[in-house]
Amino acid sequence: MSMHLVRLITWVALSAASISPLVARGQHPLDPLSDVEIVQAAQILLTGHAAQSGAAFQSIELREPRKETVLNYSGGAIDREALVFVEWRVARRAG
């Protein structure tokens, strides 16, 4: 049985309500993702079966918000997005 590599590039919406209020309160829209947000993004993909157990998350980083979001930011918790690069190997079945 041979193996092939699956690569996924996607973005994940992160809810400010689901992370620590202390983390969310101190965030600016352009701040790097916190460790909590990085783990949350990976868990969303694994729980939703978009990535398989044992996947290698190559990169999880902030997907920059729209310019209007940054210019209109007045403090407080905000929802953010993560850009995720992940890959895993799957067995190729003989057909």
C-alpha atoms as a PDB file:
ATOM      1  CA  MET A   1       0.000   0.000   0.000  1.00  0.00           C
ATOM      2  CA  SER A   2       1.530   3.314  -1.007  1.00  0.00           C
ATOM      3  CA  MET A   3       1.125   6.621   0.799  1.00  0.00           C
ATOM      4  CA  HIS A   4       0.383  10.027  -0.625  1.00  0.00           C
ATOM      5  CA  LEU A   5       0.567  13.457   0.896  1.00  0.00           C
ATOM      6  CA  VAL A   6      -2.542  15.579   1.416  1.00  0.00           C
ATOM      7  CA  ARG A   7      -2.022  19.337   1.762  1.00  0.00           C
ATOM      8  CA  LEU A   8      -4.679  21.728   2.989  1.00  0.00           C
ATOM      9  CA  ILE A   9      -4.512  25.502   2.972  1.00  0.00           C
ATOM     10  CA  THR A  10      -7.549  27.072   4.585  1.00  0.00           C
ATOM     11  CA  TRP A  11      -8.674  29.742   6.990  1.00  0.00           C
ATOM     12  CA  VAL A  12     -10.502  29.249  10.271  1.00  0.00           C
ATOM     13  CA  ALA A  13     -12.772  31.730  12.057  1.00  0.00           C
ATOM     14  CA  LEU A  14     -11.812  32.198  15.714  1.00  0.00           C
ATOM     15  CA  SER A  15     -14.439  33.487  18.108  1.00  0.00           C
ATOM     16  CA  ALA A  16     -13.336  35.932  20.804  1.00  0.00           C
ATOM     17  CA  ALA A  17     -16.050  34.451  23.028  1.00  0.00           C
ATOM     18  CA  SER A  18     -14.341  31.051  23.097  1.00  0.00           C
ATOM     19  CA  ILE A  19     -10.923  32.213  24.298  1.00  0.00           C
ATOM     20  CA  SER A  20      -9.778  33.674  27.593  1.00  0.00           C
ATOM     21  CA  PRO A  21     -11.313  37.110  28.219  1.00  0.00           C
ATOM     22  CA  LEU A  22      -7.887  38.379  29.310  1.00  0.00           C
ATOM     23  CA  VAL A  23      -6.350  37.295  26.002  1.00  0.00           C
ATOM     24  CA  ALA A  24      -9.217  38.663  23.910  1.00  0.00           C
ATOM     25  CA  ARG A  25      -9.382  41.983  25.746  1.00  0.00           C
ATOM     26  CA  GLY A  26      -5.738  42.847  25.086  1.00  0.00           C
ATOM     27  CA  GLN A  27      -5.709  42.028  21.378  1.00  0.00           C
ATOM     28  CA  HIS A  28      -5.336  44.487  18.566  1.00  0.00           C
ATOM     29  CA  PRO A  29      -6.653  43.197  15.206  1.00  0.00           C
ATOM     30  CA  LEU A  30      -3.071  42.944  13.865  1.00  0.00           C
ATOM     31  CA  ASP A  31      -1.516  41.250  16.918  1.00  0.00           C
ATOM     32  CA  PRO A  32      -0.115  37.784  16.176  1.00  0.00           C
ATOM     33  CA  LEU A  33      -2.348  34.883  17.170  1.00  0.00           C
ATOM     34  CA  SER A  34      -2.054  33.847  20.807  1.00  0.00           C
ATOM     35  CA  ASP A  35      -1.105  30.291  21.740  1.00  0.00           C
ATOM     36  CA  VAL A  36      -4.755  29.727  22.698  1.00  0.00           C
ATOM     37  CA  GLU A  37      -5.946  30.842  19.245  1.00  0.00           C
ATOM     38  CA  ILE A  38      -3.373  28.620  17.496  1.00  0.00           C
ATOM     39  CA  VAL A  39      -4.526  25.552  19.436  1.00  0.00           C
ATOM     40  CA  GLN A  40      -8.164  26.516  18.816  1.00  0.00           C
ATOM     41  CA  ALA A  41      -7.579  26.688  15.039  1.00  0.00           C
ATOM     42  CA  ALA A  42      -5.964  23.230  15.001  1.00  0.00           C
ATOM     43  CA  GLN A  43      -8.758  21.756  17.134  1.00  0.00           C
ATOM     44  CA  ILE A  44     -11.441  23.179  14.842  1.00  0.00           C
ATOM     45  CA  LEU A  45      -9.889  21.444  11.820  1.00  0.00           C
ATOM     46  CA  LEU A  46      -9.335  18.148  13.656  1.00  0.00           C
ATOM     47  CA  THR A  47     -12.785  18.096  15.278  1.00  0.00           C
ATOM     48  CA  GLY A  48     -14.451  18.976  11.976  1.00  0.00           C
ATOM     49  CA  HIS A  49     -12.450  16.232  10.195  1.00  0.00           C
ATOM     50  CA  ALA A  50     -10.924  18.731   7.786  1.00  0.00           C
ATOM     51  CA  ALA A  51      -7.528  17.410   8.968  1.00  0.00           C
ATOM     52  CA  GLN A  52      -6.685  13.939  10.244  1.00  0.00           C
ATOM     53  CA  SER A  53      -5.140  12.913  13.537  1.00  0.00           C
ATOM     54  CA  GLY A  54      -1.367  12.960  13.164  1.00  0.00           C
ATOM     55  CA  ALA A  55      -1.474  15.901  10.751  1.00  0.00           C
ATOM     56  CA  ALA A  56       1.529  18.209  10.643  1.00  0.00           C
ATOM     57  CA  PHE A  57       0.445  21.811  11.054  1.00  0.00           C
ATOM     58  CA  GLN A  58       3.139  23.649   9.090  1.00  0.00           C
ATOM     59  CA  SER A  59       1.859  27.123   9.891  1.00  0.00           C
ATOM     60  CA  ILE A  60      -1.038  28.720  11.759  1.00  0.00           C
ATOM     61  CA  GLU A  61      -0.960  32.491  11.519  1.00  0.00           C
ATOM     62  CA  LEU A  62      -3.193  35.538  11.562  1.00  0.00           C
ATOM     63  CA  ARG A  63      -5.262  36.133   8.459  1.00  0.00           C
ATOM     64  CA  GLU A  64      -5.103  39.898   8.381  1.00  0.00           C
ATOM     65  CA  PRO A  65      -8.458  41.616   8.771  1.00  0.00           C
ATOM     66  CA  ARG A  66      -9.923  44.109   6.351  1.00  0.00           C
ATOM     67  CA  LYS A  67      -8.535  47.619   6.517  1.00  0.00           C
ATOM     68  CA  GLU A  68     -11.885  48.942   7.801  1.00  0.00           C
ATOM     69  CA  THR A  69     -11.737  46.555  10.765  1.00  0.00           C
ATOM     70  CA  VAL A  70      -8.321  47.874  11.779  1.00  0.00           C
ATOM     71  CA  LEU A  71      -9.216  51.539  11.276  1.00  0.00           C
ATOM     72  CA  ASN A  72     -12.499  51.205  13.188  1.00  0.00           C
ATOM     73  CA  TYR A  73     -11.057  49.183  16.100  1.00  0.00           C
ATOM     74  CA  SER A  74     -11.847  50.876  19.412  1.00  0.00           C
ATOM     75  CA  GLY A  75     -10.705  48.200  21.861  1.00  0.00           C
ATOM     76  CA  GLY A  76     -12.362  45.126  23.268  1.00  0.00           C
ATOM     77  CA  ALA A  77     -12.650  41.531  22.170  1.00  0.00           C
ATOM     78  CA  ILE A  78     -12.795  40.809  18.444  1.00  0.00           C
ATOM     79  CA  ASP A  79     -13.328  37.734  16.296  1.00  0.00           C
ATOM     80  CA  ARG A  80     -10.274  36.896  14.197  1.00  0.00           C
ATOM     81  CA  GLU A  81      -9.253  34.427  11.492  1.00  0.00           C
ATOM     82  CA  ALA A  82      -6.326  32.049  11.187  1.00  0.00           C
ATOM     83  CA  LEU A  83      -4.635  31.023   7.942  1.00  0.00           C
ATOM     84  CA  VAL A  84      -3.635  27.362   8.279  1.00  0.00           C
ATOM     85  CA  PHE A  85      -1.205  25.200   6.279  1.00  0.00           C
ATOM     86  CA  VAL A  86      -1.485  21.522   7.234  1.00  0.00           C
ATOM     87  CA  GLU A  87      -0.497  18.212   5.659  1.00  0.00           C
ATOM     88  CA  TRP A  88      -0.807  14.500   6.426  1.00  0.00           C
ATOM     89  CA  ARG A  89      -0.135  11.178   4.753  1.00  0.00           C
ATOM     90  CA  VAL A  90      -2.900   8.789   3.764  1.00  0.00           C
ATOM     91  CA  ALA A  91      -2.735   5.276   2.426  1.00  0.00           C
ATOM     92  CA  ARG A  92      -3.558   4.921  -1.244  1.00  0.00           C
ATOM     93  CA  ARG A  93      -5.720   1.882  -1.874  1.00  0.00           C
ATOM     94  CA  ALA A  94      -5.005  -0.371  -4.802  1.00  0.00           C
ATOM     95  CA  GLY A  95      -7.843  -0.190  -7.236  1.00  0.00           C
END
